[in-house]
């Protein structure tokens, strides 16, 4: 990614989302640009399901995130949906604890992708 453009994105992120995280998509963000690459218009997700789909399409399917972690992310997403929209659902520690370590690895992989593209 062009370093000047990246610095501008980072500056805007700091102004708008000082405590948040931004995930960039596309060949420019991944750092696998070639001479025929164009600039992505950007991806917008208007729903949680949309975010899940974008992560699958642009990170898991391109082997930037391990497929087992992509599967875990889908499972956690489905549990989230169940908890939000179904009546009388109760999760306890035994239901959720198996996701703690893989979720930390998932977050670390996303952070590594961002850090690689900042260099």
Protein backbone atom coordinates (compact mmCIF):
# COMPACT_ATOMS: atom_id res chain seq x y z
CA UNK A 1 0.00 0.00 0.00
CA UNK A 2 1.24 3.48 -0.80
CA UNK A 3 2.73 4.69 2.49
CA UNK A 4 1.35 8.23 2.16
CA UNK A 5 -2.19 6.95 1.62
CA UNK A 6 -1.79 4.53 4.52
CA UNK A 7 -0.60 7.37 6.78
CA UNK A 8 -3.67 9.39 5.83
CA UNK A 9 -5.96 6.43 6.59
CA UNK A 10 -4.22 5.95 9.93
CA UNK A 11 -4.53 9.65 10.76
CA UNK A 12 -8.26 9.63 9.99
CA UNK A 13 -8.72 6.45 12.03
CA UNK A 14 -7.04 8.09 15.03
CA UNK A 15 -9.34 11.10 14.73
CA UNK A 16 -12.57 9.20 14.17
CA UNK A 17 -11.98 5.94 16.10
CA UNK A 18 -9.20 6.67 18.62
CA UNK A 19 -9.89 3.50 20.61
CA UNK A 20 -11.17 1.37 17.73
CA UNK A 21 -9.64 -0.91 15.15
CA UNK A 22 -9.88 -0.68 11.38
CA UNK A 23 -9.55 -3.66 9.06
CA UNK A 24 -8.48 -2.89 5.50
CA UNK A 25 -9.36 -5.24 2.64
CA UNK A 26 -8.10 -5.84 -0.87
CA UNK A 27 -4.77 -6.41 -2.55
CA UNK A 28 -3.51 -2.94 -1.62
CA UNK A 29 -4.17 -3.62 2.08
CA UNK A 30 -2.85 -7.20 1.94
CA UNK A 31 0.35 -6.08 0.23
CA UNK A 32 0.02 -8.47 -2.72
CA UNK A 33 -0.46 -5.74 -5.31
CA UNK A 34 0.75 -6.29 -8.87
CA UNK A 35 0.81 -3.98 -11.88
CA UNK A 36 -2.74 -4.93 -12.95
CA UNK A 37 -4.20 -4.34 -9.47
CA UNK A 38 -6.73 -1.60 -9.12
CA UNK A 39 -7.83 0.24 -6.03
CA UNK A 40 -10.74 -1.34 -4.27
CA UNK A 41 -13.70 0.88 -3.62
CA UNK A 42 -13.70 -0.48 -0.13
CA UNK A 43 -16.06 -2.92 1.46
CA UNK A 44 -18.97 -1.98 3.58
CA UNK A 45 -20.90 -4.28 5.80
CA UNK A 46 -24.20 -3.01 7.06
CA UNK A 47 -24.91 -6.03 9.24
CA UNK A 48 -22.99 -8.41 11.50
CA UNK A 49 -23.62 -11.09 8.89
CA UNK A 50 -22.00 -8.85 6.29
CA UNK A 51 -18.83 -8.55 8.39
CA UNK A 52 -18.73 -12.34 8.74
CA UNK A 53 -19.06 -12.72 4.97
CA UNK A 54 -16.32 -10.16 4.22
CA UNK A 55 -13.89 -11.83 6.62
CA UNK A 56 -14.59 -15.19 4.99
CA UNK A 57 -14.25 -13.89 1.43
CA UNK A 58 -11.21 -11.72 1.84
CA UNK A 59 -9.19 -13.32 4.61
CA UNK A 60 -10.15 -16.96 5.15
CA UNK A 61 -10.62 -17.84 1.46
CA UNK A 62 -7.30 -16.13 0.63
CA UNK A 63 -5.53 -18.14 3.38
CA UNK A 64 -4.63 -15.02 5.34
CA UNK A 65 -6.53 -16.41 8.33
CA UNK A 66 -6.41 -20.11 9.16
CA UNK A 67 -9.54 -21.93 8.02
CA UNK A 68 -10.04 -23.49 11.46
CA UNK A 69 -10.19 -19.97 12.93
CA UNK A 70 -12.65 -18.94 10.24
CA UNK A 71 -14.82 -21.89 11.25
CA UNK A 72 -14.57 -20.87 14.91
CA UNK A 73 -15.58 -17.31 13.98
CA UNK A 74 -18.70 -18.63 12.20
CA UNK A 75 -19.59 -20.78 15.21
CA UNK A 76 -19.23 -17.85 17.61
CA UNK A 77 -21.27 -15.69 15.24
CA UNK A 78 -24.05 -18.31 15.22
CA UNK A 79 -24.02 -18.47 19.03
CA UNK A 80 -24.25 -14.68 19.12
CA UNK A 81 -27.25 -14.76 16.79
CA UNK A 82 -28.90 -17.47 18.86
CA UNK A 83 -28.36 -15.50 22.07
CA UNK A 84 -29.74 -12.32 20.52
CA UNK A 85 -32.79 -13.65 18.74
CA UNK A 86 -33.99 -16.82 20.45
CA UNK A 87 -35.98 -16.97 23.65
CA UNK A 88 -34.77 -18.69 26.80
CA UNK A 89 -31.18 -19.30 25.73
CA UNK A 90 -28.58 -19.63 28.45
CA UNK A 91 -24.87 -20.11 27.80
CA UNK A 92 -22.56 -21.09 30.61
CA UNK A 93 -18.78 -21.16 30.89
CA UNK A 94 -18.58 -24.72 29.55
CA UNK A 95 -20.36 -23.64 26.36
CA UNK A 96 -18.06 -20.69 25.71
CA UNK A 97 -14.67 -21.51 27.20
CA UNK A 98 -13.55 -23.65 24.21
CA UNK A 99 -13.70 -20.48 22.08
CA UNK A 100 -11.42 -18.31 24.28
CA UNK A 101 -8.05 -19.51 22.97
CA UNK A 102 -9.06 -19.72 19.28
CA UNK A 103 -10.66 -16.26 19.52
CA UNK A 104 -7.40 -14.84 20.86
CA UNK A 105 -5.53 -16.48 17.94
CA UNK A 106 -8.09 -15.07 15.48
CA UNK A 107 -7.58 -11.55 16.85
CA UNK A 108 -3.80 -12.00 16.77
CA UNK A 109 -3.94 -13.05 13.11
CA UNK A 110 -6.01 -9.98 12.20
CA UNK A 111 -3.58 -7.76 14.11
CA UNK A 112 -0.60 -9.39 12.33
CA UNK A 113 -2.18 -8.71 8.96
CA UNK A 114 -2.64 -5.05 9.89
CA UNK A 115 0.90 -4.73 11.26
CA UNK A 116 2.42 -6.30 8.11
CA UNK A 117 0.63 -3.76 5.99
CA UNK A 118 1.77 -0.87 8.16
CA UNK A 119 5.44 -1.65 7.51
